[in-house]
């Protein structure tokens, strides 16, 4: 499993373990590769990534973790990383997905 963001999990209230999995759009995959400092660690194609991410969701479910897809427009984590002084890498993408999931669960604007 290449994408480390699938390993990011957080506790939300008493709901138990919830993992936010960043879910990218096929047409934005080249942009994600372009902006990520760790692009060599990512799958080369969206289809390869989607297959890996789908399997990761299944693995998390088997482990008893409620994994939730978090729709991510690639420009969102780019802007967030800029504001946080971070590089766009696996840790930052995972943190951004966790933030979006937390905001959604708290009813905060994205």
C-alpha atoms as a PDB file:
ATOM      1  CA  UNK A   1       0.000   0.000   0.000  1.00  0.00           C
ATOM      2  CA  UNK A   2       1.697   3.179  -1.166  1.00  0.00           C
ATOM      3  CA  UNK A   3      -0.645   5.950  -0.016  1.00  0.00           C
ATOM      4  CA  UNK A   4       0.020   6.596   3.639  1.00  0.00           C
ATOM      5  CA  UNK A   5      -3.030   8.832   3.940  1.00  0.00           C
ATOM      6  CA  UNK A   6      -5.149   5.682   4.117  1.00  0.00           C
ATOM      7  CA  UNK A   7      -3.508   5.019   7.478  1.00  0.00           C
ATOM      8  CA  UNK A   8      -4.663   8.257   9.055  1.00  0.00           C
ATOM      9  CA  UNK A   9      -7.378   7.668  11.609  1.00  0.00           C
ATOM     10  CA  UNK A  10      -8.919   9.784  14.284  1.00  0.00           C
ATOM     11  CA  UNK A  11     -11.369   9.334  17.122  1.00  0.00           C
ATOM     12  CA  UNK A  12     -14.590  11.275  16.668  1.00  0.00           C
ATOM     13  CA  UNK A  13     -16.693  11.528  19.797  1.00  0.00           C
ATOM     14  CA  UNK A  14     -17.991   8.161  20.946  1.00  0.00           C
ATOM     15  CA  UNK A  15     -18.483   6.904  17.402  1.00  0.00           C
ATOM     16  CA  UNK A  16     -15.280   4.875  17.640  1.00  0.00           C
ATOM     17  CA  UNK A  17     -12.388   4.726  15.248  1.00  0.00           C
ATOM     18  CA  UNK A  18     -13.035   6.548  12.004  1.00  0.00           C
ATOM     19  CA  UNK A  19     -10.557   6.817   9.174  1.00  0.00           C
ATOM     20  CA  UNK A  20     -10.830   9.559   6.601  1.00  0.00           C
ATOM     21  CA  UNK A  21      -9.562   8.376   3.253  1.00  0.00           C
ATOM     22  CA  UNK A  22      -8.853  11.144   0.755  1.00  0.00           C
ATOM     23  CA  UNK A  23     -10.754  10.374  -2.439  1.00  0.00           C
ATOM     24  CA  UNK A  24      -9.380  12.095  -5.496  1.00  0.00           C
ATOM     25  CA  UNK A  25     -10.928  12.701  -8.893  1.00  0.00           C
ATOM     26  CA  UNK A  26      -9.645  10.939 -11.991  1.00  0.00           C
ATOM     27  CA  UNK A  27      -9.231  14.146 -13.965  1.00  0.00           C
ATOM     28  CA  UNK A  28      -7.125  15.642 -11.143  1.00  0.00           C
ATOM     29  CA  UNK A  29      -4.701  12.742 -10.732  1.00  0.00           C
ATOM     30  CA  UNK A  30      -1.988  14.331 -12.930  1.00  0.00           C
ATOM     31  CA  UNK A  31      -2.251  17.514 -10.827  1.00  0.00           C
ATOM     32  CA  UNK A  32      -1.849  15.539  -7.604  1.00  0.00           C
ATOM     33  CA  UNK A  33       1.308  13.966  -8.981  1.00  0.00           C
ATOM     34  CA  UNK A  34       2.552  17.400 -10.054  1.00  0.00           C
ATOM     35  CA  UNK A  35       2.105  19.081  -6.648  1.00  0.00           C
ATOM     36  CA  UNK A  36       3.149  16.200  -4.372  1.00  0.00           C
ATOM     37  CA  UNK A  37       6.762  16.174  -3.230  1.00  0.00           C
ATOM     38  CA  UNK A  38       6.447  12.405  -2.800  1.00  0.00           C
ATOM     39  CA  UNK A  39       4.930  11.711  -6.215  1.00  0.00           C
ATOM     40  CA  UNK A  40       7.371   8.852  -6.747  1.00  0.00           C
ATOM     41  CA  UNK A  41       5.598   7.072  -3.881  1.00  0.00           C
ATOM     42  CA  UNK A  42       2.162   7.413  -5.495  1.00  0.00           C
ATOM     43  CA  UNK A  43       0.627   5.153  -8.087  1.00  0.00           C
ATOM     44  CA  UNK A  44       1.351   6.303 -11.642  1.00  0.00           C
ATOM     45  CA  UNK A  45      -2.278   6.200 -12.773  1.00  0.00           C
ATOM     46  CA  UNK A  46      -5.607   7.006 -11.196  1.00  0.00           C
ATOM     47  CA  UNK A  47      -6.864   3.492 -11.937  1.00  0.00           C
ATOM     48  CA  UNK A  48      -3.914   1.976 -10.053  1.00  0.00           C
ATOM     49  CA  UNK A  49      -4.505   4.337  -7.144  1.00  0.00           C
ATOM     50  CA  UNK A  50      -8.252   3.642  -7.089  1.00  0.00           C
ATOM     51  CA  UNK A  51      -7.656  -0.115  -6.961  1.00  0.00           C
ATOM     52  CA  UNK A  52      -5.187   0.317  -4.078  1.00  0.00           C
ATOM     53  CA  UNK A  53      -7.476   2.753  -2.218  1.00  0.00           C
ATOM     54  CA  UNK A  54     -10.489   0.466  -2.614  1.00  0.00           C
ATOM     55  CA  UNK A  55      -8.488  -2.438  -1.198  1.00  0.00           C
ATOM     56  CA  UNK A  56      -7.313  -0.203   1.659  1.00  0.00           C
ATOM     57  CA  UNK A  57     -10.940   0.602   2.505  1.00  0.00           C
ATOM     58  CA  UNK A  58     -11.716  -3.106   2.624  1.00  0.00           C
ATOM     59  CA  UNK A  59      -8.683  -3.790   4.847  1.00  0.00           C
ATOM     60  CA  UNK A  60      -9.735  -1.053   7.257  1.00  0.00           C
ATOM     61  CA  UNK A  61     -13.275  -2.450   7.391  1.00  0.00           C
ATOM     62  CA  UNK A  62     -11.921  -5.940   8.148  1.00  0.00           C
ATOM     63  CA  UNK A  63      -9.901  -4.384  10.982  1.00  0.00           C
ATOM     64  CA  UNK A  64     -13.069  -2.873  12.421  1.00  0.00           C
ATOM     65  CA  UNK A  65     -12.307   0.683  11.379  1.00  0.00           C
ATOM     66  CA  UNK A  66     -15.100   2.708   9.853  1.00  0.00           C
ATOM     67  CA  UNK A  67     -13.410   4.178   6.784  1.00  0.00           C
ATOM     68  CA  UNK A  68     -15.069   7.081   5.087  1.00  0.00           C
ATOM     69  CA  UNK A  69     -14.216   8.495   1.669  1.00  0.00           C
ATOM     70  CA  UNK A  70     -13.448  12.195   1.852  1.00  0.00           C
ATOM     71  CA  UNK A  71     -13.943  13.960  -1.469  1.00  0.00           C
ATOM     72  CA  UNK A  72     -10.845  16.062  -2.113  1.00  0.00           C
ATOM     73  CA  UNK A  73     -10.305  18.616  -4.824  1.00  0.00           C
ATOM     74  CA  UNK A  74      -6.523  18.633  -5.259  1.00  0.00           C
ATOM     75  CA  UNK A  75      -6.341  22.400  -4.949  1.00  0.00           C
ATOM     76  CA  UNK A  76      -7.813  22.217  -1.423  1.00  0.00           C
ATOM     77  CA  UNK A  77      -4.846  20.477   0.240  1.00  0.00           C
ATOM     78  CA  UNK A  78      -2.461  22.590  -1.860  1.00  0.00           C
ATOM     79  CA  UNK A  79      -3.976  25.768  -0.414  1.00  0.00           C
ATOM     80  CA  UNK A  80      -4.141  24.271   3.078  1.00  0.00           C
ATOM     81  CA  UNK A  81      -0.489  23.220   2.925  1.00  0.00           C
ATOM     82  CA  UNK A  82       0.473  26.700   1.771  1.00  0.00           C
ATOM     83  CA  UNK A  83      -1.391  28.273   4.709  1.00  0.00           C
ATOM     84  CA  UNK A  84       0.172  25.782   7.143  1.00  0.00           C
ATOM     85  CA  UNK A  85       3.697  26.109   5.729  1.00  0.00           C
ATOM     86  CA  UNK A  86       3.783  22.431   4.789  1.00  0.00           C
ATOM     87  CA  UNK A  87       4.807  20.489   1.731  1.00  0.00           C
ATOM     88  CA  UNK A  88       2.170  18.425  -0.054  1.00  0.00           C
ATOM     89  CA  UNK A  89       3.144  14.911   0.977  1.00  0.00           C
ATOM     90  CA  UNK A  90       1.458  11.824   2.379  1.00  0.00           C
ATOM     91  CA  UNK A  91       1.373  13.135   5.932  1.00  0.00           C
ATOM     92  CA  UNK A  92      -0.120  16.446   4.829  1.00  0.00           C
ATOM     93  CA  UNK A  93      -2.698  14.764   2.568  1.00  0.00           C
ATOM     94  CA  UNK A  94      -3.692  12.493   5.471  1.00  0.00           C
ATOM     95  CA  UNK A  95      -3.941  15.420   7.879  1.00  0.00           C
ATOM     96  CA  UNK A  96      -6.062  17.343   5.400  1.00  0.00           C
ATOM     97  CA  UNK A  97      -8.431  14.394   4.894  1.00  0.00           C
ATOM     98  CA  UNK A  98      -8.746  14.012   8.677  1.00  0.00           C
ATOM     99  CA  UNK A  99      -9.466  17.738   8.989  1.00  0.00           C
ATOM    100  CA  UNK A 100     -12.186  17.613   6.321  1.00  0.00           C
ATOM    101  CA  UNK A 101     -13.767  14.583   7.970  1.00  0.00           C
ATOM    102  CA  UNK A 102     -13.690  16.263  11.377  1.00  0.00           C
ATOM    103  CA  UNK A 103     -15.194  19.458   9.951  1.00  0.00           C
ATOM    104  CA  UNK A 104     -17.949  17.487   8.243  1.00  0.00           C
ATOM    105  CA  UNK A 105     -18.747  15.594  11.449  1.00  0.00           C
ATOM    106  CA  UNK A 106     -18.897  18.863  13.392  1.00  0.00           C
ATOM    107  CA  UNK A 107     -20.953  20.606  10.728  1.00  0.00           C
ATOM    108  CA  UNK A 108     -18.242  23.174  10.060  1.00  0.00           C
ATOM    109  CA  UNK A 109     -17.729  24.787   6.669  1.00  0.00           C
ATOM    110  CA  UNK A 110     -15.018  23.204   4.584  1.00  0.00           C
END
